């Protein structure tokens, strides 16, 4: 049933929604990715370039080197400018981006599309942000970029969507949209709070005894990742155990989760958190879930997609209110650290966009507070630093604006090993000229 809802897409709607966009972001839990590939791979007149990023691409230069090599093998003669840049001509993110844009523009034909699959495998850091921003700005009109990524809200996608340069496809049929619903028939209410130390409440009573750390960790994993395979679970929790050993531990742990839930419900029934169907563990239908991190992400998703400015502001405020602390502070596991970092970036983006709403209304004090908070969460956001400098200048605090620039410049050199962009330097020059 679920997969039928998720894959309810048409080629016509895909083409209509993506037309005229420089960047298309595909959410990988939908059929959009397969639809896109099947359409363009089968149509020889479409200029599709496809590159799937391999595992463990540790740097921008590394995965771009793989891209230019593979595309050159297929096309013959592709990547003259990018090869020169990678060989030392200009290995800055801006230089690499400009070179790739020139190579894409030099391809024959029209309506050329570069599809980059498995984007989550590359370091989504300050270098990537600078590279992708420059690439999109320099992109010829007949070239479109398509990325498949779970991290749809990573910088700078949100800003590109807001400008109309990018579109996200596939989130309208995300599985949490059909799973987190309140049933008419009374069922146990499971409230899950993952921001902070992490706790769960069943019918108003907190689960205080988990019978060990493992059931609690697996419980939050199930709630946060509603559709997972057995291999996903085993690789996350018991990568060094044999399949037989991992299976035994898994079923014992899963049973303990059901016992913790059932103990808080005055009933003889056994209330399973998950069900197994079609090769996936998914939310069961015996309990109703309420999940703060899920509500937070859905609010940011909806704010990103809506054209209603008032509704966008309401959703962003809701998201900011929901994010009370970092994700699952008491659990130190790789999947938790990854998710914590992702939600932290979403929080920074919500603060940034809310700050810019105030900034557009000349409510500079409110905007400044939100944007400074955003920079604490995501200090590599050069565009937000420029917003802060602009607000300082508008408030007649040019000295603070210039101090902010010098502090940022020092941080960029020492931490990010990069130079500030010409746009930021031009802003500083304009402010200092008036001081």
Protein backbone atom coordinates (compact mmCIF):
# COMPACT_ATOMS: atom_id res chain seq x y z
CA UNK A 1 0.00 0.00 0.00
CA UNK A 2 2.71 2.46 0.99
CA UNK A 3 4.84 1.97 -2.12
CA UNK A 4 1.84 2.64 -4.35
CA UNK A 5 1.35 6.03 -2.71
CA UNK A 6 5.03 6.90 -2.86
CA UNK A 7 5.40 6.14 -6.58
CA UNK A 8 2.32 8.01 -7.76
CA UNK A 9 4.14 10.32 -10.16
CA UNK A 10 3.87 11.03 -13.89
CA UNK A 11 6.42 12.04 -16.49
CA UNK A 12 4.27 14.99 -17.50
CA UNK A 13 4.18 16.41 -13.98
CA UNK A 14 7.91 15.84 -13.62
CA UNK A 15 8.74 17.75 -16.81
CA UNK A 16 6.31 20.53 -15.97
CA UNK A 17 7.68 21.08 -12.47
CA UNK A 18 11.35 20.95 -13.46
CA UNK A 19 11.10 23.14 -16.56
CA UNK A 20 13.18 26.31 -16.40
CA UNK A 21 15.00 25.36 -13.19
CA UNK A 22 18.79 25.41 -13.02
CA UNK A 23 18.81 22.74 -10.31
CA UNK A 24 16.48 19.81 -9.66
CA UNK A 25 16.79 18.03 -6.30
CA UNK A 26 15.35 14.52 -6.22
CA UNK A 27 14.33 12.97 -2.92
CA UNK A 28 15.58 9.37 -3.25
CA UNK A 29 12.67 7.72 -1.40
CA UNK A 30 10.41 8.31 -4.39
CA UNK A 31 10.12 7.06 -7.92
CA UNK A 32 11.17 10.43 -9.38
CA UNK A 33 14.78 9.28 -9.59
CA UNK A 34 13.94 6.15 -11.59
CA UNK A 35 11.44 8.06 -13.71
CA UNK A 36 14.04 10.68 -14.56
CA UNK A 37 16.71 8.18 -15.50
CA UNK A 38 14.43 5.89 -17.50
CA UNK A 39 13.04 8.81 -19.52
CA UNK A 40 16.32 10.45 -20.45
CA UNK A 41 18.37 7.29 -20.87
CA UNK A 42 15.81 5.96 -23.34
CA UNK A 43 15.59 9.22 -25.29
CA UNK A 44 18.70 9.70 -27.45
CA UNK A 45 17.81 13.30 -28.29
CA UNK A 46 18.15 14.34 -24.64
CA UNK A 47 21.69 15.27 -23.59
CA UNK A 48 21.92 13.42 -20.29
CA UNK A 49 25.25 13.09 -18.50
CA UNK A 50 25.13 10.68 -15.55
CA UNK A 51 27.68 10.31 -12.78
CA UNK A 52 27.27 8.25 -9.63
CA UNK A 53 29.60 9.33 -6.84
CA UNK A 54 31.47 6.32 -5.42
CA UNK A 55 31.92 5.62 -1.75
CA UNK A 56 34.40 7.59 0.34
CA UNK A 57 34.90 10.67 -1.82
CA UNK A 58 36.87 12.64 0.73
CA UNK A 59 37.28 15.94 -1.09
CA UNK A 60 35.82 18.18 -3.76
CA UNK A 61 38.79 17.63 -6.08
CA UNK A 62 38.54 13.86 -5.68
CA UNK A 63 34.93 13.43 -6.78
CA UNK A 64 35.26 16.02 -9.54
CA UNK A 65 38.31 14.15 -10.79
CA UNK A 66 36.22 10.98 -10.96
CA UNK A 67 33.44 12.83 -12.74
CA UNK A 68 35.64 14.32 -15.47
CA UNK A 69 37.43 11.01 -16.05
CA UNK A 70 34.21 9.03 -16.43
CA UNK A 71 32.49 11.59 -18.66
CA UNK A 72 35.62 11.90 -20.82
CA UNK A 73 35.64 8.11 -21.31
CA UNK A 74 32.02 8.25 -22.46
CA UNK A 75 32.09 11.40 -24.56
CA UNK A 76 35.70 11.69 -25.60
CA UNK A 77 37.33 15.09 -25.16
CA UNK A 78 35.13 16.29 -22.29
CA UNK A 79 36.52 18.36 -19.45
CA UNK A 80 39.36 20.39 -20.94
CA UNK A 81 38.88 23.29 -18.53
CA UNK A 82 38.18 21.18 -15.46
CA UNK A 83 41.22 19.00 -16.07
CA UNK A 84 43.44 22.10 -16.21
CA UNK A 85 41.93 23.43 -13.00
CA UNK A 86 42.39 20.09 -11.20
CA UNK A 87 46.01 19.89 -12.41
CA UNK A 88 46.78 23.02 -10.43
CA UNK A 89 45.65 25.86 -12.63
CA UNK A 90 42.95 26.83 -10.09
CA UNK A 91 41.87 24.30 -7.47
CA UNK A 92 39.75 26.75 -5.47
CA UNK A 93 36.05 25.85 -5.28
CA UNK A 94 35.22 28.88 -7.42
CA UNK A 95 37.86 27.97 -10.01
CA UNK A 96 36.69 24.36 -10.26
CA UNK A 97 33.07 25.46 -10.58
CA UNK A 98 33.80 27.97 -13.33
CA UNK A 99 35.81 25.37 -15.24
CA UNK A 100 33.03 22.77 -15.06
CA UNK A 101 30.44 25.35 -16.17
CA UNK A 102 32.57 26.15 -19.25
CA UNK A 103 32.94 22.46 -20.11
CA UNK A 104 29.21 21.87 -19.84
CA UNK A 105 28.50 24.89 -21.99
CA UNK A 106 30.97 23.66 -24.65
CA UNK A 107 29.01 20.44 -25.23
CA UNK A 108 27.15 20.24 -28.49
CA UNK A 109 23.38 20.19 -28.62
CA UNK A 110 20.86 21.86 -26.35
CA UNK A 111 19.03 21.09 -23.12
CA UNK A 112 22.01 19.38 -21.55
CA UNK A 113 21.53 17.75 -18.14
CA UNK A 114 24.14 16.64 -15.63
CA UNK A 115 22.71 14.12 -13.18
CA UNK A 116 24.85 13.53 -10.08
CA UNK A 117 23.68 10.52 -8.08
CA UNK A 118 24.49 9.68 -4.43
CA UNK A 119 25.47 13.27 -3.58
CA UNK A 120 25.33 12.41 0.15
CA UNK A 121 28.68 10.65 -0.25
CA UNK A 122 30.65 13.88 -0.70
CA UNK A 123 31.71 16.26 2.09
CA UNK A 124 28.93 18.85 2.25
CA UNK A 125 31.16 21.50 3.75
CA UNK A 126 32.07 25.14 3.12
CA UNK A 127 34.06 24.19 0.02
CA UNK A 128 31.06 22.42 -1.45
CA UNK A 129 28.79 25.37 -0.67
CA UNK A 130 31.14 27.79 -2.44
CA UNK A 131 31.57 25.41 -5.39
CA UNK A 132 27.88 24.75 -6.00
CA UNK A 133 26.88 28.41 -5.61
CA UNK A 134 29.48 29.49 -8.18
CA UNK A 135 28.58 26.63 -10.52
CA UNK A 136 24.87 27.49 -10.56
CA UNK A 137 25.59 31.19 -11.09
CA UNK A 138 27.93 30.41 -14.01
CA UNK A 139 25.74 27.72 -15.57
CA UNK A 140 24.77 28.29 -19.23
CA UNK A 141 21.04 28.64 -19.87
CA UNK A 142 20.81 25.33 -21.74
CA UNK A 143 22.33 23.26 -18.89
CA UNK A 144 20.42 21.81 -15.95
CA UNK A 145 21.86 20.13 -12.85
CA UNK A 146 20.04 17.27 -11.15
CA UNK A 147 21.08 15.84 -7.78
CA UNK A 148 19.77 12.86 -5.86
CA UNK A 149 20.25 13.50 -2.16
CA UNK A 150 18.61 12.80 1.18
CA UNK A 151 20.00 16.07 2.52
CA UNK A 152 17.70 18.27 0.49
CA UNK A 153 17.92 21.18 2.90
CA UNK A 154 21.66 21.41 3.03
CA UNK A 155 23.14 24.79 2.25
CA UNK A 156 22.66 26.34 -0.25
CA UNK A 157 19.63 24.49 -1.64
CA UNK A 158 17.07 26.37 0.39
CA UNK A 159 18.32 29.72 -0.83
CA UNK A 160 18.23 28.52 -4.44
CA UNK A 161 14.66 27.28 -4.05
CA UNK A 162 13.65 30.61 -2.54
CA UNK A 163 15.19 32.43 -5.53
CA UNK A 164 13.41 30.16 -8.00
CA UNK A 165 16.64 28.62 -9.35
CA UNK A 166 15.98 25.17 -7.85
CA UNK A 167 13.09 22.84 -7.16
CA UNK A 168 12.71 19.83 -4.86
CA UNK A 169 10.72 16.93 -6.30
CA UNK A 170 9.44 13.93 -4.39
CA UNK A 171 8.78 15.25 -0.89
CA UNK A 172 5.03 15.39 -1.54
CA UNK A 173 4.86 11.60 -1.16
CA UNK A 174 7.30 11.09 1.69
CA UNK A 175 6.35 8.17 3.86
CA UNK A 176 5.98 10.09 7.10
CA UNK A 177 3.18 12.08 5.45
CA UNK A 178 1.04 8.94 5.24
CA UNK A 179 2.20 7.24 8.42
CA UNK A 180 1.97 9.88 11.11
CA UNK A 181 -1.80 10.22 11.23
CA UNK A 182 -4.23 10.14 14.15
CA UNK A 183 -6.75 7.32 13.84
CA UNK A 184 -10.44 7.61 14.69
CA UNK A 185 -10.24 4.39 16.72
CA UNK A 186 -8.53 5.03 20.08
CA UNK A 187 -5.00 3.67 20.11
CA UNK A 188 -2.03 4.08 22.44
CA UNK A 189 -0.37 7.48 21.96
CA UNK A 190 3.42 7.30 21.75
CA UNK A 191 5.07 10.70 22.13
CA UNK A 192 8.73 10.73 21.17
CA UNK A 193 11.00 13.65 22.08
CA UNK A 194 14.41 13.33 20.43
CA UNK A 195 15.65 16.89 20.91
CA UNK A 196 17.76 16.88 24.07
CA UNK A 197 18.48 13.74 26.05
CA UNK A 198 15.67 11.82 24.34
CA UNK A 199 12.63 10.37 26.04
CA UNK A 200 9.35 8.68 25.15
CA UNK A 201 5.89 8.89 26.70
CA UNK A 202 3.13 6.30 26.24
CA UNK A 203 -0.39 7.42 27.14
CA UNK A 204 1.01 10.19 29.29
CA UNK A 205 3.53 8.04 31.19
CA UNK A 206 7.25 8.22 30.43
CA UNK A 207 9.18 5.04 29.71
CA UNK A 208 11.71 5.12 32.54
CA UNK A 209 13.17 1.62 32.36
CA UNK A 210 14.39 0.46 28.95
CA UNK A 211 16.06 -2.74 30.22
CA UNK A 212 19.40 -1.62 28.82
CA UNK A 213 20.77 0.98 26.42
CA UNK A 214 20.24 -1.07 23.25
CA UNK A 215 16.39 -1.17 23.27
CA UNK A 216 16.31 2.61 23.77
CA UNK A 217 18.76 3.19 20.90
CA UNK A 218 16.89 0.89 18.52
CA UNK A 219 13.58 2.50 19.53
CA UNK A 220 14.79 5.96 18.44
CA UNK A 221 16.31 4.50 15.28
CA UNK A 222 12.95 2.96 14.31
CA UNK A 223 11.07 6.19 15.03
CA UNK A 224 13.51 8.38 13.11
CA UNK A 225 13.89 6.09 10.10
CA UNK A 226 10.44 4.78 9.39
CA UNK A 227 11.38 2.47 6.51
CA UNK A 228 14.52 0.36 6.96
CA UNK A 229 15.73 -3.06 5.86
CA UNK A 230 17.18 -5.71 8.10
CA UNK A 231 20.58 -5.10 6.49
CA UNK A 232 20.32 -1.39 7.38
CA UNK A 233 19.66 -2.30 11.00
CA UNK A 234 22.40 -4.92 11.25
CA UNK A 235 25.00 -2.66 9.59
CA UNK A 236 24.12 0.12 12.05
CA UNK A 237 24.02 -1.85 15.29
CA UNK A 238 25.87 -5.15 14.83
CA UNK A 239 28.26 -4.88 11.87
CA UNK A 240 30.76 -7.33 13.42
CA UNK A 241 28.27 -10.09 14.28
CA UNK A 242 27.28 -12.96 12.04
CA UNK A 243 23.80 -12.85 10.51
CA UNK A 244 22.61 -15.52 12.94
CA UNK A 245 24.00 -13.72 16.00
CA UNK A 246 22.68 -10.34 14.86
CA UNK A 247 19.24 -11.83 14.17
CA UNK A 248 19.02 -13.25 17.69
CA UNK A 249 20.08 -9.98 19.33
CA UNK A 250 17.74 -7.99 17.10
CA UNK A 251 14.62 -9.99 17.91
CA UNK A 252 15.36 -9.92 21.65
CA UNK A 253 15.87 -6.14 21.52
CA UNK A 254 12.77 -5.60 19.39
CA UNK A 255 10.69 -7.63 21.86
CA UNK A 256 11.95 -5.49 24.73
CA UNK A 257 10.76 -2.36 22.90
CA UNK A 258 7.26 -3.84 22.56
CA UNK A 259 7.28 -4.76 26.25
CA UNK A 260 8.25 -1.20 27.26
CA UNK A 261 5.32 0.20 25.25
CA UNK A 262 2.80 -2.43 26.37
CA UNK A 263 3.67 -1.95 30.05
CA UNK A 264 2.34 1.62 29.88
CA UNK A 265 -0.94 0.55 28.27
CA UNK A 266 -3.68 -0.97 30.42
CA UNK A 267 -4.38 -3.85 28.08
CA UNK A 268 -3.48 -7.48 27.57
CA UNK A 269 -2.46 -6.78 23.97
CA UNK A 270 1.09 -6.61 22.70
CA UNK A 271 1.77 -3.28 20.99
CA UNK A 272 4.45 -3.53 18.32
CA UNK A 273 6.21 -0.33 17.27
CA UNK A 274 6.97 -1.70 13.79
CA UNK A 275 5.69 -4.19 11.25
CA UNK A 276 7.65 -6.09 8.62
CA UNK A 277 6.34 -5.96 5.05
CA UNK A 278 7.82 -6.07 1.56
CA UNK A 279 11.34 -6.32 2.95
CA UNK A 280 11.06 -3.25 5.19
CA UNK A 281 10.42 -2.53 8.86
CA UNK A 282 7.83 0.24 8.96
CA UNK A 283 5.63 1.89 11.61
CA UNK A 284 3.00 -0.48 12.95
CA UNK A 285 -0.69 0.38 12.98
CA UNK A 286 -1.37 -0.46 16.63
CA UNK A 287 -0.02 2.80 18.06
CA UNK A 288 -0.16 6.47 17.06
CA UNK A 289 3.18 8.27 17.01
CA UNK A 290 3.97 11.90 17.70
CA UNK A 291 7.59 12.79 16.97
CA UNK A 292 9.15 16.19 17.59
CA UNK A 293 12.10 15.78 15.18
CA UNK A 294 9.72 14.55 12.49
CA UNK A 295 7.40 17.50 13.06
CA UNK A 296 10.40 19.84 12.92
CA UNK A 297 11.63 18.50 9.60
CA UNK A 298 8.13 18.48 8.13
CA UNK A 299 7.71 22.15 9.11
CA UNK A 300 10.97 23.07 7.36
CA UNK A 301 10.00 20.95 4.33
CA UNK A 302 6.63 22.68 4.07
CA UNK A 303 8.16 26.14 4.51
CA UNK A 304 10.56 25.36 1.69
CA UNK A 305 7.77 24.35 -0.68
CA UNK A 306 5.08 26.95 -0.01
CA UNK A 307 4.67 30.18 -1.98
CA UNK A 308 2.56 31.74 0.77
CA UNK A 309 4.89 34.09 2.69
CA UNK A 310 2.66 34.23 5.75
CA UNK A 311 2.42 30.45 5.90
CA UNK A 312 6.17 30.18 5.39
CA UNK A 313 6.79 32.43 8.39
CA UNK A 314 4.38 30.42 10.54
CA UNK A 315 6.07 27.14 9.62
CA UNK A 316 9.56 28.51 10.23
CA UNK A 317 8.52 29.77 13.68
CA UNK A 318 7.05 26.37 14.42
CA UNK A 319 10.31 24.71 13.42
CA UNK A 320 12.42 27.08 15.53
CA UNK A 321 10.16 26.47 18.54
CA UNK A 322 10.38 22.68 18.15
CA UNK A 323 14.19 22.63 18.05
CA UNK A 324 14.94 22.93 21.77
CA UNK A 325 18.32 21.14 21.93
CA UNK A 326 20.62 19.05 19.72
CA UNK A 327 19.31 15.65 18.63
CA UNK A 328 19.69 12.77 21.14
CA UNK A 329 22.51 14.30 23.16
CA UNK A 330 22.92 11.19 25.33
CA UNK A 331 23.49 8.73 22.47
CA UNK A 332 26.87 8.54 20.73
CA UNK A 333 26.46 6.42 17.61
CA UNK A 334 27.43 7.20 14.00
CA UNK A 335 23.84 7.37 12.76
CA UNK A 336 22.92 9.72 15.62
CA UNK A 337 25.88 12.00 15.00
CA UNK A 338 25.02 12.18 11.29
CA UNK A 339 21.36 12.93 12.00
CA UNK A 340 22.26 15.45 14.70
CA UNK A 341 24.46 17.37 12.26
CA UNK A 342 21.73 17.33 9.60
CA UNK A 343 19.04 18.63 11.97
CA UNK A 344 21.43 21.27 13.24
CA UNK A 345 21.85 22.53 9.66
CA UNK A 346 18.07 22.55 9.20
CA UNK A 347 17.74 24.59 12.38
CA UNK A 348 20.31 27.07 11.07
CA UNK A 349 18.39 27.32 7.80
CA UNK A 350 15.08 27.92 9.57
CA UNK A 351 16.68 30.67 11.67
CA UNK A 352 18.27 32.19 8.56
CA UNK A 353 15.07 32.30 6.53
CA UNK A 354 13.07 33.65 9.45
CA UNK A 355 15.75 36.30 9.98
CA UNK A 356 15.57 37.29 6.34
CA UNK A 357 11.81 37.69 6.57
CA UNK A 358 12.35 40.22 9.36
CA UNK A 359 15.21 41.79 7.41
CA UNK A 360 12.96 42.35 4.39
CA UNK A 361 10.52 44.21 6.67
CA UNK A 362 13.34 46.36 8.09
CA UNK A 363 12.87 44.72 11.49
CA UNK A 364 16.63 44.69 11.89
CA UNK A 365 16.94 43.98 15.62
CA UNK A 366 14.79 40.85 15.36
CA UNK A 367 16.61 39.78 12.19
CA UNK A 368 20.04 40.28 13.77
CA UNK A 369 19.23 38.05 16.74
CA UNK A 370 17.99 35.22 14.52
CA UNK A 371 20.90 35.44 12.09
CA UNK A 372 23.55 35.54 14.82
CA UNK A 373 21.91 32.45 16.31
CA UNK A 374 22.00 30.79 12.88
CA UNK A 375 25.74 31.44 12.61
CA UNK A 376 26.33 29.69 15.93
CA UNK A 377 24.74 26.60 14.41
CA UNK A 378 26.34 26.95 10.97
CA UNK A 379 29.36 29.32 11.08
CA UNK A 380 30.45 28.50 7.50
CA UNK A 381 27.50 30.37 5.99
CA UNK A 382 29.25 33.26 4.25
CA UNK A 383 25.95 34.61 2.91
CA UNK A 384 24.55 34.87 6.44
CA UNK A 385 27.69 36.66 7.60
CA UNK A 386 27.04 39.21 4.84
CA UNK A 387 23.46 39.63 6.10
CA UNK A 388 24.77 40.35 9.60
CA UNK A 389 27.24 42.93 8.23
CA UNK A 390 24.46 44.56 6.23
CA UNK A 391 22.21 44.81 9.28
CA UNK A 392 25.00 46.29 11.41
CA UNK A 393 25.52 48.90 8.70
CA UNK A 394 21.78 49.66 8.49
CA UNK A 395 21.70 50.16 12.26
CA UNK A 396 24.54 52.67 12.07
CA UNK A 397 27.02 50.19 13.57
CA UNK A 398 29.62 50.13 10.80
CA UNK A 399 32.44 49.47 13.28
CA UNK A 400 30.73 46.24 14.36
CA UNK A 401 30.20 45.32 10.70
CA UNK A 402 33.92 45.72 9.94
CA UNK A 403 34.89 43.85 13.12
CA UNK A 404 32.61 41.04 12.06
CA UNK A 405 34.34 40.92 8.66
CA UNK A 406 37.84 40.72 10.17
CA UNK A 407 36.77 37.97 12.58
CA UNK A 408 35.21 36.04 9.71
CA UNK A 409 38.28 36.50 7.50
CA UNK A 410 40.51 35.10 10.23
CA UNK A 411 38.19 32.13 10.74
CA UNK A 412 38.07 31.37 7.01
CA UNK A 413 41.87 31.27 6.78
CA UNK A 414 42.49 29.24 9.94
CA UNK A 415 39.55 26.83 9.93
CA UNK A 416 38.34 26.52 6.35
CA UNK A 417 41.66 27.23 4.58
CA UNK A 418 39.81 29.45 2.11
CA UNK A 419 39.63 33.07 1.09
CA UNK A 420 36.43 35.04 1.38
CA UNK A 421 34.48 35.57 -1.82
CA UNK A 422 34.72 38.80 -3.83
CA UNK A 423 31.08 39.54 -2.96
CA UNK A 424 31.90 39.63 0.76
CA UNK A 425 35.01 41.74 0.18
CA UNK A 426 33.04 44.19 -1.94
CA UNK A 427 30.48 44.55 0.86
CA UNK A 428 33.25 45.26 3.35
CA UNK A 429 34.77 47.86 1.03
CA UNK A 430 31.41 49.61 0.62
CA UNK A 431 30.81 49.72 4.39
CA UNK A 432 34.35 50.87 5.24
CA UNK A 433 34.13 53.61 2.62
CA UNK A 434 31.20 55.15 4.48
CA UNK A 435 32.71 54.78 7.95
